[in-house]
Amino acid sequence: MATEDYAAARQFFERGLTLAKRVQRIGAIGRCELGLAKIEIAQGNYDVACTLGRQAEQTYDRLGLDQKIRDAKAIVRAALKAS
């Protein structure tokens, strides 16, 4: 993916995260956190990816979404392995 595509995707997820927090849509918050974490891994920002992945894990834990929790944990593991 081109750098400008990552920038556009980051803006999309950041805006979504802001709006999701404003209206307290917990599932949407988790999706945005996870999306941002994936972007950060792809860009080589592993510490940021870990932080976002852990936030997504906590968000999904609040909802009891086991598969999404596993997805978030996988992102954290990938970021830790790559760093």
N, C-alpha and C. Protein backbone atom coordinates (compact mmCIF):
# COMPACT_ATOMS: atom_id res chain seq x y z
N MET A 1 0.85 -1.17 0.00
CA MET A 1 0.00 0.00 0.00
C MET A 1 0.89 1.24 0.00
N ALA A 2 0.52 2.23 -0.75
CA ALA A 2 1.30 3.46 -0.85
C ALA A 2 1.17 4.29 0.43
N THR A 3 2.17 5.09 0.70
CA THR A 3 2.19 5.92 1.91
C THR A 3 0.95 6.78 2.03
N GLU A 4 0.52 7.36 0.92
CA GLU A 4 -0.67 8.23 0.97
C GLU A 4 -1.93 7.43 1.29
N ASP A 5 -1.95 6.15 0.90
CA ASP A 5 -3.09 5.30 1.25
C ASP A 5 -3.13 5.05 2.76
N TYR A 6 -1.96 4.84 3.37
CA TYR A 6 -1.91 4.67 4.82
C TYR A 6 -2.36 5.95 5.52
N ALA A 7 -1.94 7.08 5.00
CA ALA A 7 -2.34 8.35 5.60
C ALA A 7 -3.85 8.55 5.52
N ALA A 8 -4.43 8.21 4.39
CA ALA A 8 -5.88 8.33 4.23
C ALA A 8 -6.62 7.36 5.15
N ALA A 9 -6.11 6.15 5.23
CA ALA A 9 -6.73 5.16 6.11
C ALA A 9 -6.63 5.59 7.57
N ARG A 10 -5.47 6.12 7.96
CA ARG A 10 -5.28 6.59 9.33
C ARG A 10 -6.28 7.70 9.65
N GLN A 11 -6.45 8.64 8.74
CA GLN A 11 -7.42 9.72 8.95
C GLN A 11 -8.83 9.17 9.11
N PHE A 12 -9.17 8.20 8.28
CA PHE A 12 -10.49 7.56 8.34
C PHE A 12 -10.72 6.94 9.72
N PHE A 13 -9.75 6.14 10.18
CA PHE A 13 -9.91 5.47 11.47
C PHE A 13 -9.87 6.45 12.64
N GLU A 14 -9.02 7.46 12.56
CA GLU A 14 -8.97 8.46 13.64
C GLU A 14 -10.28 9.22 13.75
N ARG A 15 -10.84 9.59 12.60
CA ARG A 15 -12.15 10.29 12.60
C ARG A 15 -13.24 9.36 13.13
N GLY A 16 -13.20 8.11 12.70
CA GLY A 16 -14.17 7.14 13.19
C GLY A 16 -14.06 6.93 14.68
N LEU A 17 -12.84 6.88 15.19
CA LEU A 17 -12.62 6.70 16.62
C LEU A 17 -13.17 7.89 17.40
N THR A 18 -12.92 9.08 16.92
CA THR A 18 -13.44 10.28 17.58
C THR A 18 -14.97 10.24 17.65
N LEU A 19 -15.59 9.92 16.53
CA LEU A 19 -17.05 9.88 16.49
C LEU A 19 -17.61 8.74 17.34
N ALA A 20 -16.97 7.58 17.28
CA ALA A 20 -17.44 6.43 18.06
C ALA A 20 -17.36 6.72 19.55
N LYS A 21 -16.30 7.40 19.97
CA LYS A 21 -16.20 7.77 21.39
C LYS A 21 -17.27 8.77 21.78
N ARG A 22 -17.55 9.70 20.88
CA ARG A 22 -18.55 10.73 21.15
C ARG A 22 -19.93 10.12 21.39
N VAL A 23 -20.27 9.10 20.61
CA VAL A 23 -21.60 8.48 20.75
C VAL A 23 -21.55 7.16 21.53
N GLN A 24 -20.38 6.85 22.06
CA GLN A 24 -20.16 5.68 22.91
C GLN A 24 -20.54 4.36 22.22
N ARG A 25 -20.09 4.21 20.99
CA ARG A 25 -20.27 2.96 20.25
C ARG A 25 -19.04 2.10 20.48
N ILE A 26 -19.09 1.24 21.48
CA ILE A 26 -17.94 0.49 21.93
C ILE A 26 -17.37 -0.41 20.83
N GLY A 27 -18.23 -1.09 20.10
CA GLY A 27 -17.76 -1.95 19.02
C GLY A 27 -17.01 -1.18 17.95
N ALA A 28 -17.52 0.00 17.61
CA ALA A 28 -16.86 0.84 16.60
C ALA A 28 -15.52 1.36 17.13
N ILE A 29 -15.46 1.65 18.41
CA ILE A 29 -14.19 2.07 19.01
C ILE A 29 -13.15 0.97 18.83
N GLY A 30 -13.52 -0.26 19.14
CA GLY A 30 -12.60 -1.38 18.98
C GLY A 30 -12.15 -1.57 17.55
N ARG A 31 -13.09 -1.46 16.60
CA ARG A 31 -12.72 -1.61 15.18
C ARG A 31 -11.72 -0.54 14.74
N CYS A 32 -11.92 0.68 15.21
CA CYS A 32 -11.00 1.75 14.84
C CYS A 32 -9.64 1.56 15.49
N GLU A 33 -9.63 1.16 16.76
CA GLU A 33 -8.35 0.90 17.44
C GLU A 33 -7.59 -0.22 16.73
N LEU A 34 -8.30 -1.26 16.35
CA LEU A 34 -7.66 -2.38 15.67
C LEU A 34 -7.17 -1.98 14.28
N GLY A 35 -7.98 -1.22 13.57
CA GLY A 35 -7.57 -0.73 12.25
C GLY A 35 -6.33 0.14 12.33
N LEU A 36 -6.30 1.03 13.31
CA LEU A 36 -5.12 1.88 13.50
C LEU A 36 -3.90 1.06 13.86
N ALA A 37 -4.09 0.04 14.70
CA ALA A 37 -2.96 -0.83 15.07
C ALA A 37 -2.38 -1.52 13.84
N LYS A 38 -3.23 -1.98 12.95
CA LYS A 38 -2.77 -2.65 11.73
C LYS A 38 -1.98 -1.69 10.84
N ILE A 39 -2.44 -0.46 10.76
CA ILE A 39 -1.73 0.55 9.98
C ILE A 39 -0.35 0.80 10.58
N GLU A 40 -0.30 0.91 11.91
CA GLU A 40 0.98 1.18 12.57
C GLU A 40 1.97 0.04 12.36
N ILE A 41 1.50 -1.20 12.40
CA ILE A 41 2.39 -2.33 12.12
C ILE A 41 2.93 -2.22 10.69
N ALA A 42 2.05 -1.96 9.75
CA ALA A 42 2.47 -1.87 8.36
C ALA A 42 3.48 -0.75 8.14
N GLN A 43 3.41 0.28 8.96
CA GLN A 43 4.30 1.43 8.84
C GLN A 43 5.56 1.27 9.70
N GLY A 44 5.64 0.16 10.46
CA GLY A 44 6.81 -0.09 11.27
C GLY A 44 6.81 0.59 12.63
N ASN A 45 5.66 1.09 13.04
CA ASN A 45 5.52 1.76 14.34
C ASN A 45 5.01 0.76 15.37
N TYR A 46 5.89 -0.12 15.78
CA TYR A 46 5.49 -1.28 16.58
C TYR A 46 5.04 -0.93 17.99
N ASP A 47 5.66 0.06 18.62
CA ASP A 47 5.24 0.45 19.97
C ASP A 47 3.82 1.01 19.95
N VAL A 48 3.54 1.85 18.97
CA VAL A 48 2.20 2.43 18.83
C VAL A 48 1.19 1.32 18.52
N ALA A 49 1.59 0.38 17.67
CA ALA A 49 0.71 -0.74 17.33
C ALA A 49 0.37 -1.56 18.57
N CYS A 50 1.36 -1.80 19.42
CA CYS A 50 1.12 -2.55 20.67
C CYS A 50 0.12 -1.83 21.55
N THR A 51 0.32 -0.53 21.70
CA THR A 51 -0.59 0.26 22.54
C THR A 51 -2.01 0.20 22.01
N LEU A 52 -2.16 0.41 20.72
CA LEU A 52 -3.50 0.38 20.10
C LEU A 52 -4.11 -1.02 20.17
N GLY A 53 -3.28 -2.04 19.95
CA GLY A 53 -3.78 -3.41 20.04
C GLY A 53 -4.27 -3.75 21.43
N ARG A 54 -3.54 -3.30 22.43
CA ARG A 54 -3.96 -3.54 23.82
C ARG A 54 -5.24 -2.77 24.15
N GLN A 55 -5.36 -1.56 23.62
CA GLN A 55 -6.59 -0.80 23.82
C GLN A 55 -7.77 -1.53 23.19
N ALA A 56 -7.57 -2.04 21.98
CA ALA A 56 -8.63 -2.79 21.30
C ALA A 56 -9.00 -4.04 22.09
N GLU A 57 -7.99 -4.71 22.61
CA GLU A 57 -8.24 -5.90 23.42
C GLU A 57 -9.12 -5.56 24.62
N GLN A 58 -8.82 -4.48 25.31
CA GLN A 58 -9.62 -4.07 26.46
C GLN A 58 -11.03 -3.67 26.04
N THR A 59 -11.13 -2.99 24.93
CA THR A 59 -12.44 -2.58 24.43
C THR A 59 -13.29 -3.80 24.12
N TYR A 60 -12.74 -4.76 23.40
CA TYR A 60 -13.49 -5.96 23.06
C TYR A 60 -13.78 -6.82 24.28
N ASP A 61 -12.90 -6.78 25.27
CA ASP A 61 -13.15 -7.51 26.51
C ASP A 61 -14.41 -6.99 27.20
N ARG A 62 -14.61 -5.68 27.14
CA ARG A 62 -15.82 -5.08 27.72
C ARG A 62 -17.08 -5.63 27.07
N LEU A 63 -16.97 -5.99 25.80
CA LEU A 63 -18.12 -6.51 25.05
C LEU A 63 -18.18 -8.04 25.07
N GLY A 64 -17.13 -8.67 25.56
CA GLY A 64 -17.11 -10.14 25.59
C GLY A 64 -16.98 -10.77 24.21
N LEU A 65 -16.31 -10.10 23.29
CA LEU A 65 -16.15 -10.60 21.92
C LEU A 65 -14.85 -11.37 21.81
N ASP A 66 -14.91 -12.65 22.07
CA ASP A 66 -13.71 -13.49 22.15
C ASP A 66 -12.88 -13.50 20.88
N GLN A 67 -13.51 -13.59 19.71
CA GLN A 67 -12.75 -13.61 18.46
C GLN A 67 -12.01 -12.30 18.26
N LYS A 68 -12.67 -11.20 18.55
CA LYS A 68 -12.03 -9.88 18.40
C LYS A 68 -10.90 -9.70 19.41
N ILE A 69 -11.07 -10.25 20.61
CA ILE A 69 -10.00 -10.22 21.61
C ILE A 69 -8.79 -10.97 21.07
N ARG A 70 -9.02 -12.14 20.48
CA ARG A 70 -7.92 -12.91 19.88
C ARG A 70 -7.26 -12.14 18.75
N ASP A 71 -8.07 -11.46 17.94
CA ASP A 71 -7.51 -10.64 16.84
C ASP A 71 -6.60 -9.55 17.39
N ALA A 72 -7.04 -8.89 18.44
CA ALA A 72 -6.25 -7.82 19.05
C ALA A 72 -4.95 -8.37 19.64
N LYS A 73 -5.05 -9.52 20.31
CA LYS A 73 -3.86 -10.15 20.88
C LYS A 73 -2.88 -10.54 19.79
N ALA A 74 -3.39 -10.99 18.66
CA ALA A 74 -2.52 -11.36 17.53
C ALA A 74 -1.76 -10.15 17.00
N ILE A 75 -2.42 -9.00 16.97
CA ILE A 75 -1.77 -7.77 16.52
C ILE A 75 -0.64 -7.40 17.49
N VAL A 76 -0.93 -7.50 18.78
CA VAL A 76 0.10 -7.18 19.79
C VAL A 76 1.28 -8.13 19.65
N ARG A 77 1.00 -9.42 19.50
CA ARG A 77 2.09 -10.41 19.33
C ARG A 77 2.92 -10.10 18.10
N ALA A 78 2.26 -9.78 17.00
CA ALA A 78 2.97 -9.48 15.75
C ALA A 78 3.85 -8.25 15.91
N ALA A 79 3.33 -7.24 16.59
CA ALA A 79 4.11 -6.01 16.79
C ALA A 79 5.32 -6.29 17.69
N LEU A 80 5.10 -7.06 18.73
CA LEU A 80 6.22 -7.39 19.65
C LEU A 80 7.29 -8.22 18.94
N LYS A 81 6.83 -9.15 18.11
CA LYS A 81 7.78 -10.00 17.38
C LYS A 81 8.60 -9.18 16.38
N ALA A 82 7.95 -8.23 15.74
CA ALA A 82 8.61 -7.43 14.71
C ALA A 82 9.54 -6.37 15.30
N SER A 83 9.30 -5.99 16.54
CA SER A 83 10.10 -4.89 17.11
C SER A 83 11.46 -5.35 17.58
